[in-house]
PDB file of N, CA and C in Angstrom:
ATOM      1  N   MET A   1     152.198  67.391  96.598  1.00  0.00           N
ATOM      2  CA  MET A   1     151.241  66.758  97.465  1.00  0.00           C
ATOM      3  C   MET A   1     150.688  65.536  96.752  1.00  0.00           C
ATOM      4  N   ALA A   2     150.733  64.400  97.408  1.00  0.00           N
ATOM      5  CA  ALA A   2     150.287  63.144  96.800  1.00  0.00           C
ATOM      6  C   ALA A   2     148.772  63.053  96.845  1.00  0.00           C
ATOM      7  N   ARG A   3     148.215  62.548  95.773  1.00  0.00           N
ATOM      8  CA  ARG A   3     146.771  62.333  95.720  1.00  0.00           C
ATOM      9  C   ARG A   3     146.433  60.976  96.290  1.00  0.00           C
ATOM     10  N   ASN A   4     145.269  60.868  96.850  1.00  0.00           N
ATOM     11  CA  ASN A   4     144.776  59.591  97.336  1.00  0.00           C
ATOM     12  C   ASN A   4     144.401  58.752  96.124  1.00  0.00           C
ATOM     13  N   SER A   5     145.081  57.639  95.921  1.00  0.00           N
ATOM     14  CA  SER A   5     144.825  56.817  94.751  1.00  0.00           C
ATOM     15  C   SER A   5     143.728  55.783  94.987  1.00  0.00           C
ATOM     16  N   GLN A   6     143.123  55.817  96.153  1.00  0.00           N
ATOM     17  CA  GLN A   6     142.043  54.884  96.460  1.00  0.00           C
ATOM     18  C   GLN A   6     140.803  55.265  95.655  1.00  0.00           C
ATOM     19  N   PRO A   7     140.142  54.285  95.024  1.00  0.00           N
ATOM     20  CA  PRO A   7     138.916  54.609  94.295  1.00  0.00           C
ATOM     21  C   PRO A   7     137.820  55.007  95.283  1.00  0.00           C
ATOM     22  N   ALA A   8     136.920  55.876  94.815  1.00  0.00           N
ATOM     23  CA  ALA A   8     135.781  56.273  95.651  1.00  0.00           C
ATOM     24  C   ALA A   8     134.917  55.051  95.909  1.00  0.00           C
ATOM     25  N   GLU A   9     134.369  55.009  97.109  1.00  0.00           N
ATOM     26  CA  GLU A   9     133.515  53.878  97.466  1.00  0.00           C
ATOM     27  C   GLU A   9     132.233  53.940  96.645  1.00  0.00           C
ATOM     28  N   ALA A  10     131.869  52.825  96.030  1.00  0.00           N
ATOM     29  CA  ALA A  10     130.647  52.762  95.230  1.00  0.00           C
ATOM     30  C   ALA A  10     129.441  52.787  96.152  1.00  0.00           C
ATOM     31  N   PRO A  11     128.346  53.413  95.719  1.00  0.00           N
ATOM     32  CA  PRO A  11     127.150  53.421  96.547  1.00  0.00           C
ATOM     33  C   PRO A  11     126.642  51.996  96.742  1.00  0.00           C
ATOM     34  N   ALA A  12     126.067  51.755  97.904  1.00  0.00           N
ATOM     35  CA  ALA A  12     125.515  50.438  98.212  1.00  0.00           C
ATOM     36  C   ALA A  12     124.339  50.149  97.289  1.00  0.00           C
ATOM     37  N   THR A  13     124.210  48.897  96.890  1.00  0.00           N
ATOM     38  CA  THR A  13     123.090  48.510  96.033  1.00  0.00           C
ATOM     39  C   THR A  13     122.266  47.396  96.661  1.00  0.00           C
ATOM     40  N   ASP A  14     122.668  46.926  97.829  1.00  0.00           N
ATOM     41  CA  ASP A  14     121.943  45.881  98.536  1.00  0.00           C
ATOM     42  C   ASP A  14     121.024  46.543  99.554  1.00  0.00           C
ATOM     43  N   SER A  15     119.711  46.295  99.444  1.00  0.00           N
ATOM     44  CA  SER A  15     118.753  46.972 100.319  1.00  0.00           C
ATOM     45  C   SER A  15     119.042  46.724 101.800  1.00  0.00           C
ATOM     46  N   ALA A  16     119.539  45.538 102.144  1.00  0.00           N
ATOM     47  CA  ALA A  16     119.812  45.224 103.550  1.00  0.00           C
ATOM     48  C   ALA A  16     120.908  46.105 104.134  1.00  0.00           C
ATOM     49  N   SER A  17     121.790  46.618 103.286  1.00  0.00           N
ATOM     50  CA  SER A  17     122.889  47.442 103.792  1.00  0.00           C
ATOM     51  C   SER A  17     122.403  48.794 104.319  1.00  0.00           C
ATOM     52  N   PHE A  18     121.166  49.179 104.018  1.00  0.00           N
ATOM     53  CA  PHE A  18     120.612  50.446 104.484  1.00  0.00           C
ATOM     54  C   PHE A  18     119.846  50.311 105.800  1.00  0.00           C
ATOM     55  N   LEU A  19     119.616  49.077 106.242  1.00  0.00           N
ATOM     56  CA  LEU A  19     118.782  48.838 107.421  1.00  0.00           C
ATOM     57  C   LEU A  19     119.603  48.854 108.696  1.00  0.00           C
ATOM     58  N   PRO A  20     119.012  49.276 109.799  1.00  0.00           N
ATOM     59  CA  PRO A  20     117.685  49.888 109.901  1.00  0.00           C
ATOM     60  C   PRO A  20     117.717  51.330 109.423  1.00  0.00           C
ATOM     61  N   LEU A  21     116.596  51.751 108.857  1.00  0.00           N
ATOM     62  CA  LEU A  21     116.465  53.135 108.407  1.00  0.00           C
ATOM     63  C   LEU A  21     116.140  54.033 109.594  1.00  0.00           C
ATOM     64  N   GLN A  22     116.585  55.271 109.507  1.00  0.00           N
ATOM     65  CA  GLN A  22     116.120  56.259 110.475  1.00  0.00           C
ATOM     66  C   GLN A  22     114.628  56.437 110.232  1.00  0.00           C
ATOM     67  N   SER A  23     113.876  56.686 111.286  1.00  0.00           N
ATOM     68  CA  SER A  23     112.421  56.797 111.133  1.00  0.00           C
ATOM     69  C   SER A  23     112.043  57.894 110.142  1.00  0.00           C
ATOM     70  N   ARG A  24     112.767  59.015 110.138  1.00  0.00           N
ATOM     71  CA  ARG A  24     112.433  60.100 109.199  1.00  0.00           C
ATOM     72  C   ARG A  24     112.657  59.646 107.759  1.00  0.00           C
ATOM     73  N   ASP A  25     113.698  58.849 107.509  1.00  0.00           N
ATOM     74  CA  ASP A  25     113.952  58.360 106.155  1.00  0.00           C
ATOM     75  C   ASP A  25     112.859  57.389 105.726  1.00  0.00           C
ATOM     76  N   PHE A  26     112.454  56.516 106.636  1.00  0.00           N
ATOM     77  CA  PHE A  26     111.372  55.577 106.335  1.00  0.00           C
ATOM     78  C   PHE A  26     110.110  56.351 105.958  1.00  0.00           C
ATOM     79  N   LEU A  27     109.784  57.383 106.728  1.00  0.00           N
ATOM     80  CA  LEU A  27     108.567  58.143 106.457  1.00  0.00           C
ATOM     81  C   LEU A  27     108.645  58.875 105.119  1.00  0.00           C
ATOM     82  N   ILE A  28     109.798  59.423 104.779  1.00  0.00           N
ATOM     83  CA  ILE A  28     109.951  60.099 103.487  1.00  0.00           C
ATOM     84  C   ILE A  28     109.760  59.099 102.349  1.00  0.00           C
ATOM     85  N   LEU A  29     110.411  57.954 102.443  1.00  0.00           N
ATOM     86  CA  LEU A  29     110.246  56.930 101.403  1.00  0.00           C
ATOM     87  C   LEU A  29     108.801  56.455 101.350  1.00  0.00           C
ATOM     88  N   PHE A  30     108.179  56.308 102.522  1.00  0.00           N
ATOM     89  CA  PHE A  30     106.790  55.859 102.610  1.00  0.00           C
ATOM     90  C   PHE A  30     105.856  56.796 101.845  1.00  0.00           C
ATOM     91  N   VAL A  31     105.977  58.106 102.084  1.00  0.00           N
ATOM     92  CA  VAL A  31     105.063  59.024 101.401  1.00  0.00           C
ATOM     93  C   VAL A  31     105.380  59.110  99.913  1.00  0.00           C
ATOM     94  N   LEU A  32     106.638  58.901  99.523  1.00  0.00           N
ATOM     95  CA  LEU A  32     106.981  58.905  98.098  1.00  0.00           C
ATOM     96  C   LEU A  32     106.527  57.631  97.387  1.00  0.00           C
ATOM     97  N   SER A  33     106.134  56.610  98.146  1.00  0.00           N
ATOM     98  CA  SER A  33     105.681  55.366  97.514  1.00  0.00           C
ATOM     99  C   SER A  33     104.373  55.567  96.742  1.00  0.00           C
ATOM    100  N   ASP A  34     103.659  56.651  97.020  1.00  0.00           N
ATOM    101  CA  ASP A  34     102.436  56.964  96.272  1.00  0.00           C
ATOM    102  C   ASP A  34     102.718  57.683  94.964  1.00  0.00           C
ATOM    103  N   GLY A  35     103.955  58.139  94.774  1.00  0.00           N
ATOM    104  CA  GLY A  35     104.314  58.831  93.543  1.00  0.00           C
ATOM    105  C   GLY A  35     105.139  60.070  93.844  1.00  0.00           C
ATOM    106  N   PRO A  36     105.640  60.720  92.798  1.00  0.00           N
ATOM    107  CA  PRO A  36     106.508  61.890  92.969  1.00  0.00           C
ATOM    108  C   PRO A  36     105.809  63.018  93.721  1.00  0.00           C
ATOM    109  N   LEU A  37     106.572  63.693  94.549  1.00  0.00           N
ATOM    110  CA  LEU A  37     106.074  64.856  95.287  1.00  0.00           C
ATOM    111  C   LEU A  37     107.163  65.907  95.373  1.00  0.00           C
ATOM    112  N   HIS A  38     106.749  67.156  95.445  1.00  0.00           N
ATOM    113  CA  HIS A  38     107.693  68.235  95.708  1.00  0.00           C
ATOM    114  C   HIS A  38     107.814  68.382  97.230  1.00  0.00           C
ATOM    115  N   GLY A  39     108.764  69.183  97.657  1.00  0.00           N
ATOM    116  CA  GLY A  39     109.048  69.305  99.083  1.00  0.00           C
ATOM    117  C   GLY A  39     107.839  69.629  99.929  1.00  0.00           C
ATOM    118  N   TYR A  40     107.050  70.626  99.513  1.00  0.00           N
ATOM    119  CA  TYR A  40     105.865  70.994 100.299  1.00  0.00           C
ATOM    120  C   TYR A  40     104.865  69.838 100.326  1.00  0.00           C
ATOM    121  N   GLY A  41     104.726  69.131  99.206  1.00  0.00           N
ATOM    122  CA  GLY A  41     103.823  67.979  99.163  1.00  0.00           C
ATOM    123  C   GLY A  41     104.281  66.881 100.103  1.00  0.00           C
ATOM    124  N   ILE A  42     105.592  66.686 100.202  1.00  0.00           N
ATOM    125  CA  ILE A  42     106.133  65.693 101.134  1.00  0.00           C
ATOM    126  C   ILE A  42     105.809  66.114 102.564  1.00  0.00           C
ATOM    127  N   LEU A  43     106.022  67.402 102.882  1.00  0.00           N
ATOM    128  CA  LEU A  43     105.720  67.898 104.233  1.00  0.00           C
ATOM    129  C   LEU A  43     104.254  67.685 104.588  1.00  0.00           C
ATOM    130  N   LYS A  44     103.347  68.002 103.660  1.00  0.00           N
ATOM    131  CA  LYS A  44     101.908  67.824 103.922  1.00  0.00           C
ATOM    132  C   LYS A  44     101.563  66.342 104.090  1.00  0.00           C
ATOM    133  N   ALA A  45     102.154  65.487 103.254  1.00  0.00           N
ATOM    134  CA  ALA A  45     101.881  64.047 103.347  1.00  0.00           C
ATOM    135  C   ALA A  45     102.409  63.486 104.665  1.00  0.00           C
ATOM    136  N   LEU A  46     103.533  63.994 105.137  1.00  0.00           N
ATOM    137  CA  LEU A  46     104.078  63.540 106.418  1.00  0.00           C
ATOM    138  C   LEU A  46     103.161  63.918 107.569  1.00  0.00           C
ATOM    139  N   GLU A  47     102.536  65.090 107.484  1.00  0.00           N
ATOM    140  CA  GLU A  47     101.593  65.507 108.526  1.00  0.00           C
ATOM    141  C   GLU A  47     100.387  64.590 108.579  1.00  0.00           C
ATOM    142  N   GLU A  48     100.037  63.989 107.448  1.00  0.00           N
ATOM    143  CA  GLU A  48      98.864  63.120 107.354  1.00  0.00           C
ATOM    144  C   GLU A  48      99.233  61.637 107.423  1.00  0.00           C
ATOM    145  N   ALA A  49     100.503  61.337 107.653  1.00  0.00           N
ATOM    146  CA  ALA A  49     100.976  59.940 107.662  1.00  0.00           C
ATOM    147  C   ALA A  49     100.316  59.145 108.777  1.00  0.00           C
ATOM    148  N   PRO A  50     100.149  57.841 108.570  1.00  0.00           N
ATOM    149  CA  PRO A  50      99.587  56.986 109.621  1.00  0.00           C
ATOM    150  C   PRO A  50     100.425  57.077 110.893  1.00  0.00           C
ATOM    151  N   GLY A  51      99.756  56.956 112.015  1.00  0.00           N
ATOM    152  CA  GLY A  51     100.472  57.006 113.284  1.00  0.00           C
ATOM    153  C   GLY A  51     100.549  58.404 113.858  1.00  0.00           C
ATOM    154  N   GLY A  52      99.850  59.339 113.284  1.00  0.00           N
ATOM    155  CA  GLY A  52      99.834  60.690 113.825  1.00  0.00           C
ATOM    156  C   GLY A  52     100.640  61.657 113.003  1.00  0.00           C
ATOM    157  N   ALA A  53     100.410  62.902 113.267  1.00  0.00           N
ATOM    158  CA  ALA A  53     101.080  63.964 112.525  1.00  0.00           C
ATOM    159  C   ALA A  53     102.566  63.968 112.845  1.00  0.00           C
ATOM    160  N   VAL A  54     103.357  64.110 111.821  1.00  0.00           N
ATOM    161  CA  VAL A  54     104.810  64.204 111.963  1.00  0.00           C
ATOM    162  C   VAL A  54     105.212  65.557 111.413  1.00  0.00           C
ATOM    163  N   HIS A  55     105.936  66.324 112.208  1.00  0.00           N
ATOM    164  CA  HIS A  55     106.381  67.638 111.754  1.00  0.00           C
ATOM    165  C   HIS A  55     107.848  67.572 111.362  1.00  0.00           C
ATOM    166  N   PHE A  56     108.153  68.047 110.176  1.00  0.00           N
ATOM    167  CA  PHE A  56     109.523  68.136 109.678  1.00  0.00           C
ATOM    168  C   PHE A  56     109.831  69.598 109.433  1.00  0.00           C
ATOM    169  N   ASP A  57     110.999  70.024 109.831  1.00  0.00           N
ATOM    170  CA  ASP A  57     111.505  71.336 109.460  1.00  0.00           C
ATOM    171  C   ASP A  57     111.903  71.233 107.983  1.00  0.00           C
ATOM    172  N   PRO A  58     111.474  72.177 107.132  1.00  0.00           N
ATOM    173  CA  PRO A  58     111.820  72.084 105.709  1.00  0.00           C
ATOM    174  C   PRO A  58     113.317  71.935 105.449  1.00  0.00           C
ATOM    175  N   ALA A  59     114.151  72.620 106.211  1.00  0.00           N
ATOM    176  CA  ALA A  59     115.601  72.500 105.995  1.00  0.00           C
ATOM    177  C   ALA A  59     116.063  71.076 106.261  1.00  0.00           C
ATOM    178  N   ASN A  60     115.539  70.455 107.320  1.00  0.00           N
ATOM    179  CA  ASN A  60     115.905  69.067 107.623  1.00  0.00           C
ATOM    180  C   ASN A  60     115.380  68.126 106.552  1.00  0.00           C
ATOM    181  N   LEU A  61     114.193  68.407 106.026  1.00  0.00           N
ATOM    182  CA  LEU A  61     113.637  67.568 104.964  1.00  0.00           C
ATOM    183  C   LEU A  61     114.562  67.594 103.750  1.00  0.00           C
ATOM    184  N   TYR A  62     114.986  68.775 103.326  1.00  0.00           N
ATOM    185  CA  TYR A  62     115.836  68.859 102.139  1.00  0.00           C
ATOM    186  C   TYR A  62     117.217  68.266 102.382  1.00  0.00           C
ATOM    187  N   ARG A  63     117.729  68.358 103.602  1.00  0.00           N
ATOM    188  CA  ARG A  63     119.000  67.674 103.920  1.00  0.00           C
ATOM    189  C   ARG A  63     118.814  66.159 103.786  1.00  0.00           C
ATOM    190  N   SER A  64     117.707  65.656 104.310  1.00  0.00           N
ATOM    191  CA  SER A  64     117.431  64.219 104.210  1.00  0.00           C
ATOM    192  C   SER A  64     117.248  63.802 102.755  1.00  0.00           C
ATOM    193  N   LEU A  65     116.530  64.606 101.977  1.00  0.00           N
ATOM    194  CA  LEU A  65     116.324  64.280 100.564  1.00  0.00           C
ATOM    195  C   LEU A  65     117.643  64.258  99.801  1.00  0.00           C
ATOM    196  N   ARG A  66     118.534  65.211 100.087  1.00  0.00           N
ATOM    197  CA  ARG A  66     119.840  65.215  99.412  1.00  0.00           C
ATOM    198  C   ARG A  66     120.622  63.948  99.750  1.00  0.00           C
ATOM    199  N   ARG A  67     120.577  63.532 101.024  1.00  0.00           N
ATOM    200  CA  ARG A  67     121.296  62.319 101.429  1.00  0.00           C
ATOM    201  C   ARG A  67     120.660  61.085 100.791  1.00  0.00           C
ATOM    202  N   LEU A  68     119.333  61.011 100.786  1.00  0.00           N
ATOM    203  CA  LEU A  68     118.646  59.882 100.161  1.00  0.00           C
ATOM    204  C   LEU A  68     118.922  59.840  98.657  1.00  0.00           C
ATOM    205  N   GLU A  69     119.032  61.016  98.042  1.00  0.00           N
ATOM    206  CA  GLU A  69     119.358  61.078  96.613  1.00  0.00           C
ATOM    207  C   GLU A  69     120.796  60.611  96.383  1.00  0.00           C
ATOM    208  N   ARG A  70     121.711  61.071  97.222  1.00  0.00           N
ATOM    209  CA  ARG A  70     123.121  60.658  97.105  1.00  0.00           C
ATOM    210  C   ARG A  70     123.253  59.141  97.271  1.00  0.00           C
ATOM    211  N   ASP A  71     122.436  58.559  98.166  1.00  0.00           N
ATOM    212  CA  ASP A  71     122.476  57.116  98.405  1.00  0.00           C
ATOM    213  C   ASP A  71     121.728  56.311  97.340  1.00  0.00           C
ATOM    214  N   GLY A  72     121.056  57.000  96.425  1.00  0.00           N
ATOM    215  CA  GLY A  72     120.363  56.314  95.337  1.00  0.00           C
ATOM    216  C   GLY A  72     118.973  55.827  95.682  1.00  0.00           C
ATOM    217  N   LEU A  73     118.389  56.328  96.776  1.00  0.00           N
ATOM    218  CA  LEU A  73     117.060  55.869  97.189  1.00  0.00           C
ATOM    219  C   LEU A  73     115.938  56.722  96.611  1.00  0.00           C
ATOM    220  N   VAL A  74     116.231  57.979  96.335  1.00  0.00           N
ATOM    221  CA  VAL A  74     115.278  58.860  95.670  1.00  0.00           C
ATOM    222  C   VAL A  74     116.003  59.551  94.523  1.00  0.00           C
ATOM    223  N   ALA A  75     115.227  60.060  93.600  1.00  0.00           N
ATOM    224  CA  ALA A  75     115.793  60.805  92.475  1.00  0.00           C
ATOM    225  C   ALA A  75     114.926  62.028  92.235  1.00  0.00           C
ATOM    226  N   GLU A  76     115.578  63.090  91.804  1.00  0.00           N
ATOM    227  CA  GLU A  76     114.823  64.281  91.441  1.00  0.00           C
ATOM    228  C   GLU A  76     114.119  64.008  90.121  1.00  0.00           C
ATOM    229  N   VAL A  77     112.873  64.426  90.026  1.00  0.00           N
ATOM    230  CA  VAL A  77     112.074  64.220  88.826  1.00  0.00           C
ATOM    231  C   VAL A  77     112.386  65.322  87.836  1.00  0.00           C
ATOM    232  N   ASP A  78     112.633  64.932  86.608  1.00  0.00           N
ATOM    233  CA  ASP A  78     112.818  65.904  85.539  1.00  0.00           C
ATOM    234  C   ASP A  78     111.439  66.454  85.190  1.00  0.00           C
ATOM    235  N   PRO A  79     111.207  67.755  85.398  1.00  0.00           N
ATOM    236  CA  PRO A  79     109.870  68.309  85.154  1.00  0.00           C
ATOM    237  C   PRO A  79     109.345  68.050  83.747  1.00  0.00           C
ATOM    238  N   GLY A  80     110.217  67.862  82.788  1.00  0.00           N
ATOM    239  CA  GLY A  80     109.772  67.601  81.427  1.00  0.00           C
ATOM    240  C   GLY A  80     109.166  66.228  81.248  1.00  0.00           C
ATOM    241  N   GLN A  81     109.374  65.329  82.216  1.00  0.00           N
ATOM    242  CA  GLN A  81     108.876  63.963  82.099  1.00  0.00           C
ATOM    243  C   GLN A  81     107.506  63.774  82.725  1.00  0.00           C
ATOM    244  N   ASP A  82     107.064  64.710  83.543  1.00  0.00           N
ATOM    245  CA  ASP A  82     105.814  64.534  84.269  1.00  0.00           C
ATOM    246  C   ASP A  82     105.019  65.831  84.193  1.00  0.00           C
ATOM    247  N   ASP A  83     103.878  65.793  83.512  1.00  0.00           N
ATOM    248  CA  ASP A  83     103.072  67.000  83.353  1.00  0.00           C
ATOM    249  C   ASP A  83     102.498  67.500  84.671  1.00  0.00           C
ATOM    250  N   ASP A  84     102.407  66.634  85.705  1.00  0.00           N
ATOM    251  CA  ASP A  84     101.837  67.031  86.991  1.00  0.00           C
ATOM    252  C   ASP A  84     102.833  67.774  87.876  1.00  0.00           C
ATOM    253  N   VAL A  85     104.097  67.763  87.511  1.00  0.00           N
ATOM    254  CA  VAL A  85     105.130  68.392  88.323  1.00  0.00           C
ATOM    255  C   VAL A  85     105.332  69.824  87.855  1.00  0.00           C
ATOM    256  N   GLU A  86     105.232  70.760  88.803  1.00  0.00           N
ATOM    257  CA  GLU A  86     105.423  72.163  88.454  1.00  0.00           C
ATOM    258  C   GLU A  86     106.899  72.425  88.209  1.00  0.00           C
ATOM    259  N   ASP A  87     107.201  73.204  87.177  1.00  0.00           N
ATOM    260  CA  ASP A  87     108.584  73.469  86.780  1.00  0.00           C
ATOM    261  C   ASP A  87     109.405  74.135  87.875  1.00  0.00           C
ATOM    262  N   ARG A  88     108.811  74.984  88.679  1.00  0.00           N
ATOM    263  CA  ARG A  88     109.593  75.743  89.646  1.00  0.00           C
ATOM    264  C   ARG A  88     109.863  74.967  90.935  1.00  0.00           C
ATOM    265  N   ARG A  89     109.265  73.841  91.116  1.00  0.00           N
ATOM    266  CA  ARG A  89     109.447  73.055  92.335  1.00  0.00           C
ATOM    267  C   ARG A  89     110.261  71.805  92.046  1.00  0.00           C
ATOM    268  N   ARG A  90     111.167  71.511  92.976  1.00  0.00           N
ATOM    269  CA  ARG A  90     111.944  70.277  92.861  1.00  0.00           C
ATOM    270  C   ARG A  90     111.087  69.141  93.397  1.00  0.00           C
ATOM    271  N   SER A  91     110.857  68.148  92.585  1.00  0.00           N
ATOM    272  CA  SER A  91     110.071  66.988  92.993  1.00  0.00           C
ATOM    273  C   SER A  91     110.962  65.767  93.029  1.00  0.00           C
ATOM    274  N   PHE A  92     110.580  64.824  93.871  1.00  0.00           N
ATOM    275  CA  PHE A  92     111.368  63.624  94.085  1.00  0.00           C
ATOM    276  C   PHE A  92     110.496  62.394  93.934  1.00  0.00           C
ATOM    277  N   THR A  93     111.147  61.309  93.535  1.00  0.00           N
ATOM    278  CA  THR A  93     110.465  60.033  93.379  1.00  0.00           C
ATOM    279  C   THR A  93     111.359  58.933  93.944  1.00  0.00           C
ATOM    280  N   LEU A  94     110.750  57.814  94.289  1.00  0.00           N
ATOM    281  CA  LEU A  94     111.515  56.646  94.724  1.00  0.00           C
ATOM    282  C   LEU A  94     112.243  56.035  93.542  1.00  0.00           C
ATOM    283  N   THR A  95     113.437  55.568  93.777  1.00  0.00           N
ATOM    284  CA  THR A  95     114.135  54.772  92.771  1.00  0.00           C
ATOM    285  C   THR A  95     113.765  53.311  93.007  1.00  0.00           C
ATOM    286  N   THR A  96     114.190  52.438  92.136  1.00  0.00           N
ATOM    287  CA  THR A  96     113.963  51.001  92.338  1.00  0.00           C
ATOM    288  C   THR A  96     114.614  50.559  93.641  1.00  0.00           C
ATOM    289  N   LEU A  97     115.853  51.014  93.880  1.00  0.00           N
ATOM    290  CA  LEU A  97     116.529  50.672  95.130  1.00  0.00           C
ATOM    291  C   LEU A  97     115.770  51.231  96.324  1.00  0.00           C
ATOM    292  N   GLY A  98     115.260  52.452  96.211  1.00  0.00           N
ATOM    293  CA  GLY A  98     114.485  53.047  97.294  1.00  0.00           C
ATOM    294  C   GLY A  98     113.251  52.228  97.622  1.00  0.00           C
ATOM    295  N   SER A  99     112.582  51.724  96.594  1.00  0.00           N
ATOM    296  CA  SER A  99     111.396  50.867  96.814  1.00  0.00           C
ATOM    297  C   SER A  99     111.786  49.570  97.507  1.00  0.00           C
ATOM    298  N   GLU A 100     112.919  49.000  97.106  1.00  0.00           N
ATOM    299  CA  GLU A 100     113.388  47.763  97.732  1.00  0.00           C
ATOM    300  C   GLU A 100     113.752  47.992  99.194  1.00  0.00           C
ATOM    301  N   VAL A 101     114.421  49.109  99.482  1.00  0.00           N
ATOM    302  CA  VAL A 101     114.804  49.433 100.858  1.00  0.00           C
ATOM    303  C   VAL A 101     113.556  49.679 101.708  1.00  0.00           C
ATOM    304  N   LEU A 102     112.591  50.399 101.165  1.00  0.00           N
ATOM    305  CA  LEU A 102     111.337  50.660 101.877  1.00  0.00           C
ATOM    306  C   LEU A 102     110.640  49.343 102.221  1.00  0.00           C
ATOM    307  N   ALA A 103     110.551  48.436 101.266  1.00  0.00           N
ATOM    308  CA  ALA A 103     109.901  47.145 101.513  1.00  0.00           C
ATOM    309  C   ALA A 103     110.674  46.329 102.547  1.00  0.00           C
ATOM    310  N   ALA A 104     111.995  46.328 102.466  1.00  0.00           N
ATOM    311  CA  ALA A 104     112.808  45.577 103.425  1.00  0.00           C
ATOM    312  C   ALA A 104     112.636  46.134 104.836  1.00  0.00           C
ATOM    313  N   GLU A 105     112.597  47.458 104.960  1.00  0.00           N
ATOM    314  CA  GLU A 105     112.407  48.069 106.276  1.00  0.00           C
ATOM    315  C   GLU A 105     111.009  47.800 106.806  1.00  0.00           C
ATOM    316  N   ALA A 106     110.003  47.816 105.935  1.00  0.00           N
ATOM    317  CA  ALA A 106     108.636  47.515 106.359  1.00  0.00           C
ATOM    318  C   ALA A 106     108.551  46.075 106.883  1.00  0.00           C
ATOM    319  N   ARG A 107     109.232  45.144 106.210  1.00  0.00           N
ATOM    320  CA  ARG A 107     109.248  43.749 106.690  1.00  0.00           C
ATOM    321  C   ARG A 107     109.944  43.653 108.051  1.00  0.00           C
ATOM    322  N   ARG A 108     111.054  44.386 108.208  1.00  0.00           N
ATOM    323  CA  ARG A 108     111.790  44.373 109.462  1.00  0.00           C
ATOM    324  C   ARG A 108     110.920  44.928 110.600  1.00  0.00           C
ATOM    325  N   LEU A 109     110.239  46.022 110.332  1.00  0.00           N
ATOM    326  CA  LEU A 109     109.369  46.621 111.347  1.00  0.00           C
ATOM    327  C   LEU A 109     108.184  45.713 111.667  1.00  0.00           C
ATOM    328  N   SER A 110     107.680  45.018 110.661  1.00  0.00           N
ATOM    329  CA  SER A 110     106.580  44.085 110.875  1.00  0.00           C
ATOM    330  C   SER A 110     107.007  42.950 111.812  1.00  0.00           C
ATOM    331  N   ARG A 111     108.229  42.444 111.602  1.00  0.00           N
ATOM    332  CA  ARG A 111     108.739  41.390 112.493  1.00  0.00           C
ATOM    333  C   ARG A 111     108.897  41.907 113.920  1.00  0.00           C
ATOM    334  N   LEU A 112     109.361  43.144 114.058  1.00  0.00           N
ATOM    335  CA  LEU A 112     109.488  43.735 115.394  1.00  0.00           C
ATOM    336  C   LEU A 112     108.121  43.897 116.052  1.00  0.00           C
ATOM    337  N   ALA A 113     107.141  44.347 115.289  1.00  0.00           N
ATOM    338  CA  ALA A 113     105.791  44.515 115.830  1.00  0.00           C
ATOM    339  C   ALA A 113     105.210  43.167 116.249  1.00  0.00           C
ATOM    340  N   GLU A 114     105.466  42.135 115.450  1.00  0.00           N
ATOM    341  CA  GLU A 114     104.986  40.792 115.804  1.00  0.00           C
ATOM    342  C   GLU A 114     105.635  40.316 117.091  1.00  0.00           C
ATOM    343  N   ALA A 115     106.935  40.565 117.251  1.00  0.00           N
ATOM    344  CA  ALA A 115     107.629  40.184 118.484  1.00  0.00           C
ATOM    345  C   ALA A 115     107.040  40.934 119.674  1.00  0.00           C
ATOM    346  N   ALA A 116     106.687  42.190 119.497  1.00  0.00           N
ATOM    347  CA  ALA A 116     106.071  42.973 120.581  1.00  0.00           C
ATOM    348  C   ALA A 116     104.707  42.402 120.940  1.00  0.00           C
ATOM    349  N   ARG A 117     103.926  41.970 119.939  1.00  0.00           N
ATOM    350  CA  ARG A 117     102.626  41.349 120.223  1.00  0.00           C
ATOM    351  C   ARG A 117     102.816  40.021 120.943  1.00  0.00           C
ATOM    352  N   THR A 118     103.811  39.228 120.532  1.00  0.00           N
ATOM    353  CA  THR A 118     104.088  37.939 121.172  1.00  0.00           C
ATOM    354  C   THR A 118     104.397  38.131 122.656  1.00  0.00           C
ATOM    355  N   ARG A 119     105.110  39.173 122.976  1.00  0.00           N
ATOM    356  CA  ARG A 119     105.436  39.477 124.378  1.00  0.00           C
ATOM    357  C   ARG A 119     104.329  40.258 125.075  1.00  0.00           C
ATOM    358  N   GLU A 120     103.218  40.430 124.364  1.00  0.00           N
ATOM    359  CA  GLU A 120     102.058  41.151 124.874  1.00  0.00           C
ATOM    360  C   GLU A 120     102.387  42.581 125.285  1.00  0.00           C
ATOM    361  N   LEU A 121     103.323  43.186 124.558  1.00  0.00           N
ATOM    362  CA  LEU A 121     103.634  44.590 124.783  1.00  0.00           C
ATOM    363  C   LEU A 121     102.585  45.482 124.122  1.00  0.00           C
ATOM    364  N   VAL A 122     102.001  44.977 123.051  1.00  0.00           N
ATOM    365  CA  VAL A 122     100.892  45.644 122.376  1.00  0.00           C
ATOM    366  C   VAL A 122      99.873  44.584 122.018  1.00  0.00           C
ATOM    367  N   SER A 123      98.637  45.008 121.860  1.00  0.00           N
ATOM    368  CA  SER A 123      97.606  44.053 121.478  1.00  0.00           C
ATOM    369  C   SER A 123      97.520  43.940 119.969  1.00  0.00           C
ATOM    370  N   ASP A 124      96.856  42.888 119.501  1.00  0.00           N
ATOM    371  CA  ASP A 124      96.636  42.738 118.064  1.00  0.00           C
ATOM    372  C   ASP A 124      95.735  43.868 117.601  1.00  0.00           C
ATOM    373  N   PRO A 125      95.856  44.255 116.339  1.00  0.00           N
ATOM    374  CA  PRO A 125      94.976  45.305 115.828  1.00  0.00           C
ATOM    375  C   PRO A 125      93.519  44.919 116.025  1.00  0.00           C
ATOM    376  N   GLY A 126      92.718  45.853 116.488  1.00  0.00           N
ATOM    377  CA  GLY A 126      91.300  45.584 116.711  1.00  0.00           C
ATOM    378  C   GLY A 126      90.993  45.122 118.118  1.00  0.00           C
ATOM    379  N   GLU A 127      91.987  44.674 118.877  1.00  0.00           N
ATOM    380  CA  GLU A 127      91.783  44.269 120.261  1.00  0.00           C
ATOM    381  C   GLU A 127      92.056  45.436 121.178  1.00  0.00           C
ATOM    382  N   SER A 128      91.365  45.463 122.295  1.00  0.00           N
ATOM    383  CA  SER A 128      91.693  46.487 123.288  1.00  0.00           C
ATOM    384  C   SER A 128      92.614  45.829 124.302  1.00  0.00           C
ATOM    385  N   ARG A 129      93.497  46.616 124.828  1.00  0.00           N
ATOM    386  CA  ARG A 129      94.477  46.074 125.757  1.00  0.00           C
ATOM    387  C   ARG A 129      94.059  46.311 127.168  1.00  0.00           C
TER     388      ARG A 129
END
């Protein structure tokens, strides 16, 4: 049986190649922008995220975290490096690429929100519609 001699595709390193992000991925990166969190901490932070409570099924959260880790946007924290991280819990942090992708997506969403305000689909913050 012949082996596939094609090299494995290298992970993307350009933040624009990840856009647009799925909303759940954006929210996970958003809550991790405050610092490393374990799964339960991420779930609690998502419930308190701006724009209303967001409910994530823990299994879906960990599937998303594994994919974000595989893509190089988050990394598991080595418990020995952070005294605030409990040894028995897997904690995650943003990578440099993850921070860049989060910022790029925030800029993209900001432009979309501005376009919506220009078309008077939403009012400016502080104005009543």
